[in-house]
Amino acid sequence: MTDGLPDSLIPYDEIVQEALRAVVGRVLGSVAEAGALPGEHHFYITFKTHAPGVDIPKRLIERFPDEMTIVIQNRYWDLTVDDERFSVGLSFNQVPSKLVIPYAAITGFHDPAVNFELRFQALEGADAEPEAHDPAENDGPVGVPVEDGSNVVAVDFKRKK
């Protein structure tokens, strides 16, 4: 009997990451269609500046050589969204800039107005070791009914730091 689980032949992690990045695209797409952010919503989007497909001014890459966080709130323009990426105009030190960011480059998305946050694994290659995690808290004796009889599954997409 082995202590470890067998390697999955289905890339579940990649599928989930791709689906969650699609959430970001859908949210940005609805904002682009409406032409404005609804209510008090605003977004902090963190991305890898050297990821494939990222197109930002050289001065920003020099200032943020690994990762950068942008805020889409009051002063942005030309938000354009497609299936693979988004582009947006933002001002940095009063210098207007156009940024093109593929969803695959995003490592974090946060809407503080409703305390919604997604964190993504950095795309640093398929050979990267998975992060250590705490033992599952739902492991218990098989066949023991849930006390409240509920059939609800809670999914927490936040990673512990």
Protein backbone atom coordinates (compact mmCIF):
# COMPACT_ATOMS: atom_id res chain seq x y z
CA MET A 1 0.00 0.00 0.00
CA THR A 2 1.40 3.41 -0.92
CA ASP A 3 1.19 6.50 1.25
CA GLY A 4 0.77 8.96 -1.65
CA LEU A 5 -2.02 9.37 -4.11
CA PRO A 6 -1.42 8.39 -7.73
CA ASP A 7 -0.76 11.14 -10.25
CA SER A 8 -3.96 12.24 -11.95
CA LEU A 9 -4.21 11.77 -15.66
CA ILE A 10 -6.76 14.59 -15.69
CA PRO A 11 -5.24 18.09 -15.19
CA TYR A 12 -7.80 19.21 -12.60
CA ASP A 13 -5.69 22.11 -11.31
CA GLU A 14 -5.28 23.57 -14.80
CA ILE A 15 -8.99 23.17 -15.56
CA VAL A 16 -10.01 24.93 -12.34
CA GLN A 17 -7.48 27.75 -12.82
CA GLU A 18 -8.72 28.30 -16.39
CA ALA A 19 -12.35 28.37 -15.21
CA LEU A 20 -11.58 30.89 -12.47
CA ARG A 21 -9.69 33.12 -14.88
CA ALA A 22 -12.81 33.02 -17.07
CA VAL A 23 -14.69 34.54 -14.10
CA VAL A 24 -12.35 37.54 -14.29
CA GLY A 25 -13.00 37.83 -18.03
CA ARG A 26 -16.74 37.64 -17.57
CA VAL A 27 -16.72 40.32 -14.86
CA LEU A 28 -14.51 42.64 -16.92
CA GLY A 29 -16.66 41.94 -19.99
CA SER A 30 -19.82 43.03 -18.17
CA VAL A 31 -18.08 46.24 -17.04
CA ALA A 32 -16.88 46.91 -20.60
CA GLU A 33 -20.41 46.39 -21.97
CA ALA A 34 -21.96 48.67 -19.36
CA GLY A 35 -19.27 51.30 -19.84
CA ALA A 36 -18.80 51.77 -16.09
CA LEU A 37 -18.31 49.91 -12.85
CA PRO A 38 -21.56 49.18 -11.01
CA GLY A 39 -22.04 50.73 -7.57
CA GLU A 40 -18.93 50.75 -5.41
CA HIS A 41 -17.24 47.84 -7.22
CA HIS A 42 -13.59 48.25 -8.18
CA PHE A 43 -10.83 45.79 -8.93
CA TYR A 44 -7.25 45.13 -7.94
CA ILE A 45 -5.68 42.90 -10.59
CA THR A 46 -2.21 41.44 -10.04
CA PHE A 47 -0.31 39.92 -12.95
CA LYS A 48 3.13 38.73 -14.01
CA THR A 49 4.78 41.47 -16.07
CA HIS A 50 6.94 39.05 -18.10
CA ALA A 51 4.22 36.49 -18.85
CA PRO A 52 3.66 35.66 -22.52
CA GLY A 53 1.29 38.10 -24.20
CA VAL A 54 1.63 40.89 -21.61
CA ASP A 55 2.11 44.20 -23.39
CA ILE A 56 2.85 47.12 -21.07
CA PRO A 57 5.20 50.11 -21.39
CA LYS A 58 8.88 49.39 -20.82
CA ARG A 59 9.06 51.90 -17.96
CA LEU A 60 6.45 49.85 -16.06
CA ILE A 61 8.33 46.61 -16.64
CA GLU A 62 11.49 48.29 -15.31
CA ARG A 63 9.61 49.51 -12.26
CA PHE A 64 7.78 46.18 -11.73
CA PRO A 65 10.15 43.49 -13.05
CA ASP A 66 8.15 40.51 -11.75
CA GLU A 67 4.60 41.35 -10.74
CA MET A 68 2.35 44.39 -10.85
CA THR A 69 -1.04 45.29 -9.39
CA ILE A 70 -3.37 47.66 -11.21
CA VAL A 71 -6.55 49.25 -9.93
CA ILE A 72 -9.60 49.65 -12.11
CA GLN A 73 -11.76 52.15 -10.29
CA ASN A 74 -12.21 55.83 -11.14
CA ARG A 75 -9.80 56.68 -13.92
CA TYR A 76 -9.55 54.09 -16.64
CA TRP A 77 -10.54 54.08 -20.31
CA ASP A 78 -10.84 51.86 -23.37
CA LEU A 79 -11.53 48.66 -21.44
CA THR A 80 -11.61 45.95 -24.10
CA VAL A 81 -12.22 42.30 -23.29
CA ASP A 82 -11.97 39.10 -25.33
CA ASP A 83 -11.69 35.39 -24.55
CA GLU A 84 -7.92 35.41 -23.93
CA ARG A 85 -7.03 38.88 -22.61
CA PHE A 86 -8.17 42.36 -21.72
CA SER A 87 -6.71 45.77 -22.41
CA VAL A 88 -7.24 48.96 -20.49
CA GLY A 89 -5.97 52.51 -20.42
CA LEU A 90 -4.57 53.71 -17.09
CA SER A 91 -2.47 56.62 -15.95
CA PHE A 92 0.80 56.13 -14.05
CA ASN A 93 2.35 59.30 -12.60
CA GLN A 94 0.05 61.25 -14.93
CA VAL A 95 1.39 59.42 -18.00
CA PRO A 96 -1.37 57.61 -19.93
CA SER A 97 -0.59 53.98 -20.74
CA LYS A 98 -2.30 51.12 -22.51
CA LEU A 99 -1.91 47.69 -20.92
CA VAL A 100 -2.73 44.35 -22.55
CA ILE A 101 -2.98 41.52 -20.05
CA PRO A 102 -3.79 37.88 -20.88
CA TYR A 103 -5.90 36.13 -18.24
CA ALA A 104 -3.16 33.49 -18.01
CA ALA A 105 -0.81 36.17 -16.60
CA ILE A 106 -3.16 37.09 -13.73
CA THR A 107 -2.19 35.91 -10.26
CA GLY A 108 -4.82 37.78 -8.26
CA PHE A 109 -8.20 39.49 -8.58
CA HIS A 110 -9.83 41.37 -5.71
CA ASP A 111 -13.04 43.39 -5.48
CA PRO A 112 -12.84 45.05 -2.04
CA ALA A 113 -16.37 46.44 -2.30
CA VAL A 114 -17.74 42.96 -1.65
CA ASN A 115 -14.61 41.27 -0.27
CA PHE A 116 -14.35 38.91 -3.26
CA GLU A 117 -10.90 37.57 -4.05
CA LEU A 118 -9.38 35.00 -6.36
CA ARG A 119 -5.75 33.85 -6.26
CA PHE A 120 -4.16 31.92 -9.09
CA GLN A 121 -1.10 29.74 -9.32
CA ALA A 122 1.76 31.44 -11.08
CA LEU A 123 2.43 30.01 -14.51
CA GLU A 124 6.07 29.08 -14.06
CA GLY A 125 6.10 25.75 -15.83
CA ALA A 126 4.53 22.36 -15.51
CA ASP A 127 7.41 20.99 -13.43
CA ALA A 128 6.83 23.35 -10.49
CA GLU A 129 6.23 21.55 -7.21
CA PRO A 130 2.75 21.93 -5.73
CA GLU A 131 2.49 23.97 -2.54
CA ALA A 132 2.30 22.15 0.76
CA HIS A 133 -1.15 22.12 2.28
CA ASP A 134 -2.80 21.36 5.59
CA PRO A 135 -4.44 17.97 6.03
CA ALA A 136 -8.07 17.90 4.94
CA GLU A 137 -10.48 18.71 7.74
CA ASN A 138 -13.31 16.71 6.22
CA ASP A 139 -11.65 13.31 6.64
CA GLY A 140 -13.71 11.30 9.04
CA PRO A 141 -15.16 7.85 9.37
CA VAL A 142 -16.93 6.70 6.23
CA GLY A 143 -20.68 6.30 6.49
CA VAL A 144 -21.22 8.80 9.32
CA PRO A 145 -24.18 11.02 8.37
CA VAL A 146 -23.86 14.78 8.52
CA GLU A 147 -25.63 16.09 11.60
CA ASP A 148 -27.71 18.75 9.85
CA GLY A 149 -28.50 16.54 6.87
CA SER A 150 -27.43 19.26 4.47
CA ASN A 151 -26.14 18.54 1.02
CA VAL A 152 -24.22 21.81 0.61
CA VAL A 153 -20.59 21.94 -0.43
CA ALA A 154 -18.59 25.05 0.42
CA VAL A 155 -15.63 25.87 -1.79
CA ASP A 156 -13.01 28.34 -0.57
CA PHE A 157 -10.73 29.50 -3.37
CA LYS A 158 -8.46 31.55 -1.15
CA ARG A 159 -5.02 30.12 -0.42
CA LYS A 160 -3.53 30.26 3.02
CA LYS A 161 -0.40 32.37 3.16
